[in-house]
Amino acid sequence: MFELKGSNVLEDQNLENHIANFVFLLRKQGVRVGTAELMEALEGVSVAGLKDREAFKTALRATLIKKAPDFEVFEHTFEKYFLPSNEQKKELQRGWECEEKYIECLEKADNELTFKGEKLDLAESEKVVFASLPEKEQNKIKQFVSETELGKNVEPEFKPILETTVKSSLRYWRNRQENTIQRPPSITGDSGWDWMLAGSSAGGAGGGSSGNGIRELDMKNITDKDVPEAAELIRKMTRRLIYSLSRRYRISKKKRELDLRRTIRDNISYGGYIYHLRYRDKKKQKLRLLLLCDISGSMIRYTGFILPFIYGLNSVVSDLESFVFAENLEKISGSLERGASFEEARKELLKKSREWGGGTRLAIALETLMQEHDELLTPKTIVIIVSDTRTTLLDEALRRMENVHDRVKDIVWLNTLPPEEWEELRSVSSFQKLTRMYPCNRLADLEHVLEKKIF
């Protein structure tokens, strides 16, 4: 397609390339724009002209945007992309400065928080929190690490315990900070553009993540104050499941009942002439959803996604069976009262569950599922698993998963690991053979999964 390298693309490309570049940016932010919409945009702009900026903007919006949630993305991207040359250069420069500042924060934490010569295993967001603390608080944490390292009978194996303590302290400070730098997702390949599209400023990207920002944010970096907003967004997204699970008709190749809506949509490109007919057939079975959420130690950083997802699904799907697992399986659907607020449901889950933060033994959890909840595994059941695939006893877990796979209609795996990390784990490729696996470490990913109507 094209590459953004930091130079002002508005100075050396024609109008068609400008609009193609703009469409590229929209796609990278999750807006579904196809070639047909691009051609319509070019035609619309040729009619609206370039003299009136608002008319030009309206022509693009009318031809490229089809869904309400995408309007905000369009508005923000338009204002950032179609800037005067000097302003765009300043915005890009601020973006590069933010990236440099972010990298400095990571390096500072790596250099100053070490145990027995090894860096502490901290998430990027935790390193940034440390670097943004007042010097007095940084010194307290460094002193604690140093004194622990010099303590009597302290072996290298003590490192995970120390990391847990430091993480807890940094989590406390992160929730108290009003503004923390958050690295935007890499969507263009150029850090200046990425920060600019995220609405960056020289002072950082801000701690709040409203609007499209929270959709694109890696959910391991979400703060406690953003969790209720994430829960509401997920609840709205999961409402689409009601249609998928309860619609009376399904797409069919048999000539029974004409699907007028699909027929019109598939023949738009022929200028209104009907060349292809589409049919639908009555749906033969009502599907059941069975949710399995991983709440082990490796998934604790995704609590800001797991809890809202459980809440969102349970609030819109009446016959959902929900479970969480770590070292074993735990049913939670009976403890979630329909109509309860997110905060009420969250407190109830955290209070009653004994599995939070334990080790991952998926094999044991699946064995418990088959032994104690055998009646749920039917040809009408779709199993949804939310996990990073990390587990002990992998081969045994694969055998149990194969048994479940043979008994249910389908298994959909929402993997919280970023796709670039999938190749590093054997567990990912192994489970992919038995499930339909999708990346799901951002709300935007979840939205894309639901739009595929995979259920």
Protein backbone atom coordinates (compact mmCIF):
# COMPACT_ATOMS: atom_id res chain seq x y z
CA MET A 1 0.00 0.00 0.00
CA PHE A 2 2.14 2.87 1.25
CA GLU A 3 4.55 3.74 4.03
CA LEU A 4 4.46 6.68 6.40
CA LYS A 5 8.05 7.70 7.08
CA GLY A 6 7.46 10.98 8.85
CA SER A 7 7.63 13.26 5.83
CA ASN A 8 4.57 15.33 5.01
CA VAL A 9 2.67 13.12 2.58
CA LEU A 10 0.37 16.00 1.69
CA GLU A 11 3.12 17.81 -0.20
CA ASP A 12 4.20 15.18 -2.69
CA GLN A 13 1.20 12.95 -3.50
CA ASN A 14 -1.95 13.47 -5.54
CA LEU A 15 -5.49 13.45 -4.20
CA GLU A 16 -6.11 9.77 -4.96
CA ASN A 17 -3.08 8.76 -2.93
CA HIS A 18 -4.10 11.04 -0.06
CA ILE A 19 -7.48 9.35 0.20
CA ALA A 20 -5.94 5.87 -0.17
CA ASN A 21 -3.52 6.70 2.65
CA PHE A 22 -6.39 8.00 4.78
CA VAL A 23 -8.36 4.79 4.17
CA PHE A 24 -5.26 2.80 5.16
CA LEU A 25 -5.15 4.60 8.51
CA LEU A 26 -8.85 3.95 9.11
CA ARG A 27 -8.40 0.25 8.39
CA LYS A 28 -5.46 0.02 10.76
CA GLN A 29 -7.67 1.44 13.51
CA GLY A 30 -10.34 -1.18 12.99
CA VAL A 31 -12.72 0.60 10.60
CA ARG A 32 -13.96 -1.77 7.92
CA VAL A 33 -13.46 0.03 4.62
CA GLY A 34 -13.28 -1.90 1.36
CA THR A 35 -12.32 -1.09 -2.19
CA ALA A 36 -15.94 -0.28 -3.06
CA GLU A 37 -16.07 2.40 -0.34
CA LEU A 38 -12.74 3.81 -1.52
CA MET A 39 -14.05 4.17 -5.08
CA GLU A 40 -17.24 5.79 -3.78
CA ALA A 41 -15.13 8.22 -1.74
CA LEU A 42 -13.13 9.26 -4.80
CA GLU A 43 -16.33 9.81 -6.73
CA GLY A 44 -17.91 11.74 -3.86
CA VAL A 45 -14.90 14.02 -3.49
CA SER A 46 -14.89 14.75 -7.23
CA VAL A 47 -18.45 16.02 -6.83
CA ALA A 48 -17.93 17.92 -3.57
CA GLY A 49 -14.70 19.55 -4.69
CA LEU A 50 -11.76 20.74 -2.59
CA LYS A 51 -12.56 24.39 -1.96
CA ASP A 52 -14.84 23.74 1.01
CA ARG A 53 -13.10 21.67 3.72
CA GLU A 54 -16.37 20.72 5.41
CA ALA A 55 -17.92 19.56 2.15
CA PHE A 56 -14.80 17.49 1.43
CA LYS A 57 -14.95 15.97 4.92
CA THR A 58 -18.67 15.23 4.62
CA ALA A 59 -18.15 13.45 1.30
CA LEU A 60 -15.50 11.20 2.83
CA ARG A 61 -17.54 10.49 5.95
CA ALA A 62 -20.69 9.66 4.00
CA THR A 63 -18.92 7.18 1.73
CA LEU A 64 -16.43 5.57 4.13
CA ILE A 65 -18.23 5.29 7.47
CA LYS A 66 -21.14 2.90 7.97
CA LYS A 67 -21.26 2.35 11.75
CA ALA A 68 -21.79 4.81 14.58
CA PRO A 69 -18.75 3.69 16.67
CA ASP A 70 -16.49 4.52 13.71
CA PHE A 71 -17.53 8.18 13.50
CA GLU A 72 -15.22 9.19 16.33
CA VAL A 73 -12.29 7.38 14.71
CA PHE A 74 -13.01 9.12 11.41
CA GLU A 75 -13.23 12.59 12.99
CA HIS A 76 -9.99 12.21 14.91
CA THR A 77 -8.04 10.68 12.01
CA PHE A 78 -9.30 13.30 9.53
CA GLU A 79 -8.20 16.18 11.75
CA LYS A 80 -4.76 14.64 12.24
CA TYR A 81 -4.14 13.56 8.64
CA PHE A 82 -5.44 16.55 6.70
CA LEU A 83 -3.36 19.16 8.52
CA PRO A 84 -1.45 22.13 7.14
CA SER A 85 2.17 21.21 6.46
CA ASN A 86 3.76 23.09 9.37
CA GLU A 87 1.23 21.84 11.93
CA GLN A 88 1.61 18.25 10.80
CA LYS A 89 5.39 18.42 11.18
CA LYS A 90 5.00 19.76 14.73
CA GLU A 91 2.58 16.97 15.62
CA LEU A 92 4.96 14.35 14.24
CA GLN A 93 7.85 15.85 16.19
CA ARG A 94 5.83 15.68 19.40
CA GLY A 95 5.05 12.04 18.63
CA TRP A 96 8.73 11.15 18.21
CA GLU A 97 9.52 12.96 21.47
CA CYS A 98 6.86 10.91 23.28
CA GLU A 99 8.37 7.70 21.92
CA GLU A 100 11.85 8.75 23.10
CA LYS A 101 10.46 9.60 26.54
CA TYR A 102 8.69 6.25 26.73
CA ILE A 103 11.85 4.32 25.84
CA GLU A 104 13.80 6.29 28.45
CA CYS A 105 11.26 5.21 31.08
CA LEU A 106 11.70 1.54 30.15
CA GLU A 107 15.49 1.79 30.22
CA LYS A 108 15.45 3.56 33.59
CA ALA A 109 13.39 0.80 35.19
CA ASP A 110 15.52 -1.95 33.62
CA ASN A 111 18.74 -0.34 34.87
CA GLU A 112 17.59 0.48 38.40
CA LEU A 113 15.37 -2.47 39.32
CA THR A 114 17.61 -5.53 39.27
CA PHE A 115 17.97 -8.60 41.49
CA LYS A 116 21.16 -10.68 41.51
CA GLY A 117 22.23 -9.02 38.27
CA GLU A 118 18.94 -9.73 36.46
CA LYS A 119 16.22 -7.26 35.49
CA LEU A 120 12.92 -7.66 37.28
CA ASP A 121 10.24 -9.10 35.03
CA LEU A 122 7.90 -6.11 34.86
CA ALA A 123 5.32 -5.14 32.25
CA GLU A 124 6.02 -2.02 30.19
CA SER A 125 3.21 -0.16 31.94
CA GLU A 126 4.75 -0.97 35.34
CA LYS A 127 8.17 0.29 34.24
CA VAL A 128 6.62 3.55 33.06
CA VAL A 129 4.83 4.00 36.38
CA PHE A 130 8.12 3.54 38.23
CA ALA A 131 9.93 6.08 36.05
CA SER A 132 7.14 8.65 36.50
CA LEU A 133 7.13 8.44 40.32
CA PRO A 134 8.66 11.21 42.43
CA GLU A 135 12.33 10.56 43.16
CA LYS A 136 11.54 9.91 46.84
CA GLU A 137 9.14 7.06 45.99
CA GLN A 138 11.53 5.62 43.40
CA ASN A 139 14.26 5.49 46.01
CA LYS A 140 11.98 3.64 48.43
CA ILE A 141 11.33 0.91 45.87
CA LYS A 142 15.02 0.70 44.91
CA GLN A 143 16.01 0.49 48.56
CA PHE A 144 13.51 -2.32 49.17
CA VAL A 145 14.90 -4.29 46.20
CA SER A 146 18.49 -3.69 47.32
CA GLU A 147 17.87 -4.70 50.94
CA THR A 148 16.05 -7.82 49.81
CA GLU A 149 18.96 -8.78 47.56
CA LEU A 150 21.46 -8.37 50.44
CA GLY A 151 19.33 -10.26 52.97
CA LYS A 152 20.43 -13.49 54.58
CA ASN A 153 19.62 -16.77 52.84
CA VAL A 154 18.09 -14.95 49.86
CA GLU A 155 18.52 -17.19 46.82
CA PRO A 156 17.89 -16.32 43.13
CA GLU A 157 14.67 -18.37 43.37
CA PHE A 158 13.28 -15.57 45.55
CA LYS A 159 13.03 -13.30 42.49
CA PRO A 160 9.34 -14.07 41.60
CA ILE A 161 8.25 -13.20 45.15
CA LEU A 162 10.15 -9.91 45.01
CA GLU A 163 8.61 -9.13 41.60
CA THR A 164 5.11 -9.74 42.97
CA THR A 165 5.73 -7.28 45.81
CA VAL A 166 7.15 -4.60 43.50
CA LYS A 167 4.27 -5.07 41.04
CA SER A 168 1.78 -4.60 43.87
CA SER A 169 3.42 -1.33 44.87
CA LEU A 170 3.49 -0.06 41.29
CA ARG A 171 -0.15 -1.04 40.79
CA TYR A 172 -1.03 1.08 43.83
CA TRP A 173 0.77 4.09 42.39
CA ARG A 174 -0.68 3.60 38.91
CA ASN A 175 -4.21 3.79 40.29
CA ARG A 176 -3.36 7.01 42.11
CA GLN A 177 -1.75 8.77 39.16
CA GLU A 178 -3.89 11.04 37.02
CA ASN A 179 -1.67 10.87 33.94
CA THR A 180 0.59 8.02 32.90
CA ILE A 181 2.26 7.68 29.52
CA GLN A 182 0.67 4.84 27.57
CA ARG A 183 2.28 3.69 24.36
CA PRO A 184 -0.21 3.62 21.49
CA PRO A 185 -0.58 0.51 19.32
CA SER A 186 1.79 0.36 16.35
CA ILE A 187 -0.54 0.78 13.40
CA THR A 188 1.58 2.66 10.82
CA GLY A 189 5.14 1.52 11.47
CA ASP A 190 6.17 5.07 12.34
CA SER A 191 6.14 6.11 16.01
CA GLY A 192 5.44 9.76 15.18
CA TRP A 193 2.24 8.90 13.35
CA ASP A 194 1.21 6.35 15.97
CA TRP A 195 1.47 8.86 18.82
CA MET A 196 -0.17 11.56 16.73
CA LEU A 197 -3.17 9.37 15.89
CA ALA A 198 -3.46 8.43 19.56
CA GLY A 199 -3.87 12.11 20.42
CA SER A 200 -0.46 12.43 22.06
CA SER A 201 1.11 15.57 23.46
CA ALA A 202 4.63 16.28 24.61
CA GLY A 203 3.56 15.57 28.17
CA GLY A 204 2.37 12.04 27.49
CA ALA A 205 -0.65 10.19 26.33
CA GLY A 206 -2.68 10.57 29.49
CA GLY A 207 -3.98 8.08 31.95
CA GLY A 208 -7.60 8.08 30.79
CA SER A 209 -8.54 6.09 27.71
CA SER A 210 -11.94 7.25 26.57
CA GLY A 211 -13.51 6.71 23.18
CA ASN A 212 -11.48 4.87 20.57
CA GLY A 213 -8.38 4.96 22.80
CA ILE A 214 -9.64 2.27 25.16
CA ARG A 215 -10.62 0.11 22.19
CA GLU A 216 -7.04 0.13 20.92
CA LEU A 217 -5.32 -0.14 24.30
CA ASP A 218 -3.72 -3.45 25.29
CA MET A 219 -5.99 -4.53 28.09
CA LYS A 220 -3.10 -5.47 30.36
CA ASN A 221 -2.40 -1.72 30.59
CA ILE A 222 -5.92 -0.69 31.57
CA THR A 223 -6.22 1.11 34.90
CA ASP A 224 -8.85 0.45 37.56
CA LYS A 225 -10.63 3.71 36.79
CA ASP A 226 -11.06 2.63 33.14
CA VAL A 227 -12.50 -0.82 33.97
CA PRO A 228 -16.17 0.32 34.30
CA GLU A 229 -15.95 2.01 30.88
CA ALA A 230 -14.47 -1.17 29.41
CA ALA A 231 -17.28 -3.20 30.97
CA GLU A 232 -19.92 -1.00 29.37
CA LEU A 233 -18.24 -1.19 25.95
CA ILE A 234 -18.01 -4.99 26.18
CA ARG A 235 -21.66 -5.22 27.24
CA LYS A 236 -22.69 -3.23 24.16
CA MET A 237 -20.51 -5.39 21.91
CA THR A 238 -21.87 -8.66 23.27
CA ARG A 239 -25.45 -7.60 22.56
CA ARG A 240 -24.74 -8.71 19.00
CA LEU A 241 -24.62 -12.26 20.29
CA ILE A 242 -28.35 -12.12 20.99
CA TYR A 243 -29.01 -11.80 17.27
CA SER A 244 -26.47 -14.50 16.36
CA LEU A 245 -27.88 -16.98 18.87
CA SER A 246 -31.61 -16.33 18.50
CA ARG A 247 -32.16 -15.35 14.85
CA ARG A 248 -34.87 -17.43 13.27
CA TYR A 249 -33.14 -17.88 9.92
CA ARG A 250 -29.73 -18.88 8.63
CA ILE A 251 -28.06 -18.36 5.25
CA SER A 252 -28.86 -21.20 2.87
CA LYS A 253 -27.96 -22.21 -0.70
CA LYS A 254 -31.28 -24.04 -1.06
CA LYS A 255 -34.02 -22.12 -2.88
CA ARG A 256 -36.55 -21.87 -0.05
CA GLU A 257 -37.14 -18.35 1.23
CA LEU A 258 -35.63 -15.30 -0.46
CA ASP A 259 -33.25 -13.29 1.75
CA LEU A 260 -34.19 -9.86 0.39
CA ARG A 261 -31.75 -7.86 2.50
CA ARG A 262 -28.74 -9.97 1.50
CA THR A 263 -29.86 -10.07 -2.14
CA ILE A 264 -29.99 -6.27 -2.38
CA ARG A 265 -26.63 -5.88 -0.64
CA ASP A 266 -24.88 -8.42 -2.88
CA ASN A 267 -26.20 -6.79 -6.06
CA ILE A 268 -25.44 -3.13 -5.26
CA SER A 269 -22.35 -3.27 -7.46
CA TYR A 270 -24.56 -4.03 -10.50
CA GLY A 271 -26.32 -0.66 -10.28
CA GLY A 272 -29.62 -1.97 -8.97
CA TYR A 273 -29.99 -4.91 -11.35
CA ILE A 274 -30.58 -8.27 -9.65
CA TYR A 275 -28.19 -10.92 -10.96
CA HIS A 276 -27.74 -13.12 -7.89
CA LEU A 277 -30.46 -14.25 -5.50
CA ARG A 278 -29.71 -15.14 -1.88
CA TYR A 279 -31.85 -17.48 0.20
CA ARG A 280 -32.31 -18.30 3.86
CA ASP A 281 -33.49 -21.33 5.74
CA LYS A 282 -35.00 -21.75 9.18
CA LYS A 283 -32.42 -22.26 11.85
CA LYS A 284 -32.61 -25.84 13.09
CA GLN A 285 -31.19 -25.48 16.57
CA LYS A 286 -30.66 -22.98 19.33
CA LEU A 287 -27.05 -22.74 20.36
CA ARG A 288 -25.72 -22.70 23.92
CA LEU A 289 -22.63 -20.77 25.02
CA LEU A 290 -20.18 -22.12 27.57
CA LEU A 291 -17.56 -19.62 28.77
CA LEU A 292 -14.19 -20.64 30.26
CA CYS A 293 -12.00 -17.76 31.51
CA ASP A 294 -8.40 -18.22 32.61
CA ILE A 295 -7.72 -16.33 35.87
CA SER A 296 -4.31 -17.84 36.65
CA GLY A 297 -1.20 -15.88 37.59
CA SER A 298 -0.14 -15.27 33.97
CA MET A 299 -3.57 -13.76 33.26
CA ILE A 300 -3.78 -11.46 36.30
CA ARG A 301 -2.61 -8.52 34.19
CA TYR A 302 -5.72 -9.03 32.02
CA THR A 303 -8.16 -8.82 34.92
CA GLY A 304 -9.33 -5.51 33.42
CA PHE A 305 -10.53 -7.51 30.41
CA ILE A 306 -11.62 -10.79 32.00
CA LEU A 307 -14.01 -9.29 34.58
CA PRO A 308 -15.78 -6.94 32.12
CA PHE A 309 -16.05 -9.78 29.57
CA ILE A 310 -17.67 -12.14 32.07
CA TYR A 311 -20.00 -9.36 33.18
CA GLY A 312 -20.85 -8.29 29.63
CA LEU A 313 -21.72 -11.78 28.40
CA ASN A 314 -23.77 -12.66 31.48
CA SER A 315 -25.76 -9.43 31.23
CA VAL A 316 -26.98 -10.11 27.68
CA VAL A 317 -27.04 -13.92 27.25
CA SER A 318 -29.64 -15.46 29.55
CA ASP A 319 -28.62 -19.13 29.32
CA LEU A 320 -24.84 -18.66 29.39
CA GLU A 321 -22.85 -21.13 31.49
CA SER A 322 -19.77 -19.37 32.92
CA PHE A 323 -16.65 -20.89 34.49
CA VAL A 324 -13.24 -19.64 35.57
CA PHE A 325 -10.16 -21.80 35.92
CA ALA A 326 -6.59 -21.80 37.14
CA GLU A 327 -5.51 -24.90 39.04
CA ASN A 328 -9.07 -26.23 38.75
CA LEU A 329 -12.49 -25.31 37.39
CA GLU A 330 -15.00 -23.13 39.20
CA LYS A 331 -18.58 -22.41 38.11
CA ILE A 332 -19.60 -18.77 38.55
CA SER A 333 -22.77 -18.35 36.47
CA GLY A 334 -24.97 -19.11 39.48
CA SER A 335 -23.32 -16.40 41.57
CA LEU A 336 -23.86 -13.57 39.06
CA GLU A 337 -27.19 -11.86 39.59
CA ARG A 338 -28.73 -10.54 36.37
CA GLY A 339 -29.31 -6.79 36.52
CA ALA A 340 -26.50 -6.23 39.01
CA SER A 341 -24.12 -3.36 38.34
CA PHE A 342 -20.60 -4.08 37.20
CA GLU A 343 -19.13 -3.13 40.57
CA GLU A 344 -21.53 -5.48 42.38
CA ALA A 345 -20.71 -8.34 40.01
CA ARG A 346 -16.99 -7.65 40.30
CA LYS A 347 -17.03 -7.74 44.10
CA GLU A 348 -19.08 -10.93 44.07
CA LEU A 349 -16.64 -12.67 41.72
CA LEU A 350 -13.53 -11.64 43.62
CA LYS A 351 -15.11 -12.59 46.96
CA LYS A 352 -16.34 -16.05 46.03
CA SER A 353 -13.65 -17.33 43.68
CA ARG A 354 -10.69 -19.25 45.10
CA GLU A 355 -8.84 -19.59 41.80
CA TRP A 356 -7.56 -16.04 41.18
CA GLY A 357 -3.81 -15.92 40.59
CA GLY A 358 -3.11 -19.64 40.90
CA GLY A 359 -1.08 -21.81 38.55
CA THR A 360 -2.61 -22.94 35.25
CA ARG A 361 -3.67 -26.57 34.97
CA LEU A 362 -6.06 -26.58 32.02
CA ALA A 363 -5.99 -30.39 31.87
CA ILE A 364 -7.46 -30.63 35.38
CA ALA A 365 -10.04 -27.93 34.61
CA LEU A 366 -11.22 -29.75 31.46
CA GLU A 367 -11.37 -33.06 33.31
CA THR A 368 -13.57 -31.45 35.97
CA LEU A 369 -15.77 -29.99 33.23
CA MET A 370 -16.32 -33.41 31.66
CA GLN A 371 -16.90 -35.19 34.96
CA GLU A 372 -19.11 -32.70 36.81
CA HIS A 373 -20.81 -30.81 33.96
CA ASP A 374 -21.09 -33.51 31.33
CA GLU A 375 -24.63 -32.45 30.37
CA LEU A 376 -23.35 -29.11 29.01
CA LEU A 377 -21.14 -30.70 26.34
CA THR A 378 -23.56 -31.27 23.47
CA PRO A 379 -23.56 -30.77 19.67
CA LYS A 380 -25.45 -27.51 20.33
CA THR A 381 -22.73 -26.07 22.58
CA ILE A 382 -20.11 -23.51 21.57
CA VAL A 383 -17.24 -23.24 24.04
CA ILE A 384 -15.52 -19.85 24.39
CA ILE A 385 -12.10 -19.91 26.05
CA VAL A 386 -10.31 -16.73 27.15
CA SER A 387 -6.66 -17.50 27.91
CA ASP A 388 -3.05 -16.93 26.86
CA THR A 389 -2.69 -20.74 26.27
CA ARG A 390 0.05 -21.08 28.92
CA THR A 391 -0.49 -24.19 31.02
CA THR A 392 1.34 -26.99 32.76
CA LEU A 393 0.84 -30.57 31.55
CA LEU A 394 0.33 -29.35 27.98
CA ASP A 395 0.10 -32.78 26.35
CA GLU A 396 -2.52 -33.92 28.83
CA ALA A 397 -4.44 -30.67 28.31
CA LEU A 398 -4.40 -31.30 24.55
CA ARG A 399 -5.87 -34.78 25.03
CA ARG A 400 -8.64 -33.39 27.23
CA MET A 401 -9.29 -30.59 24.72
CA GLU A 402 -9.60 -33.15 21.93
CA ASN A 403 -12.24 -34.99 23.96
CA VAL A 404 -14.20 -31.79 24.47
CA HIS A 405 -13.78 -30.87 20.79
CA ASP A 406 -15.36 -34.17 19.71
CA ARG A 407 -18.44 -33.55 21.84
CA VAL A 408 -19.34 -29.90 21.18
CA LYS A 409 -20.28 -27.91 18.10
CA ASP A 410 -17.24 -25.63 18.18
CA ILE A 411 -14.49 -24.16 20.38
CA VAL A 412 -13.58 -20.49 19.98
CA TRP A 413 -10.36 -19.41 21.68
CA LEU A 414 -9.79 -15.71 22.43
CA ASN A 415 -6.03 -15.43 22.92
CA THR A 416 -4.92 -12.47 25.04
CA LEU A 417 -1.34 -12.73 23.77
CA PRO A 418 -0.43 -10.25 21.00
CA PRO A 419 -0.12 -12.14 17.67
CA GLU A 420 3.60 -11.35 17.40
CA GLU A 421 4.19 -13.55 20.49
CA TRP A 422 2.26 -16.57 19.23
CA GLU A 423 5.21 -18.21 17.49
CA GLU A 424 7.17 -18.30 20.76
CA LEU A 425 4.79 -20.78 22.42
CA ARG A 426 4.18 -24.38 21.40
CA SER A 427 0.86 -24.23 23.24
CA VAL A 428 -0.53 -21.71 20.74
CA SER A 429 0.10 -23.83 17.63
CA SER A 430 -1.08 -26.96 19.46
CA PHE A 431 -4.43 -25.52 20.56
CA GLN A 432 -4.95 -23.87 17.16
CA LYS A 433 -5.38 -27.34 15.66
CA LEU A 434 -8.39 -27.99 17.89
CA THR A 435 -9.98 -24.54 18.12
CA ARG A 436 -10.71 -21.40 16.12
CA MET A 437 -8.23 -19.02 17.71
CA TYR A 438 -8.43 -15.22 17.47
CA PRO A 439 -6.20 -12.51 18.94
CA CYS A 440 -8.07 -10.67 21.68
CA ASN A 441 -5.82 -8.48 23.79
CA ARG A 442 -7.70 -5.27 22.83
CA LEU A 443 -11.37 -4.36 22.83
CA ALA A 444 -11.00 -3.63 19.12
CA ASP A 445 -10.02 -7.30 18.63
CA LEU A 446 -13.12 -8.46 20.51
CA GLU A 447 -15.26 -6.19 18.35
CA HIS A 448 -13.78 -7.71 15.19
CA VAL A 449 -14.42 -11.23 16.46
CA LEU A 450 -18.07 -10.45 17.15
CA GLU A 451 -18.46 -8.77 13.76
CA LYS A 452 -17.37 -12.02 12.10
CA LYS A 453 -20.58 -13.59 13.51
CA ILE A 454 -18.49 -16.62 14.51
CA PHE A 455 -21.20 -17.83 16.87
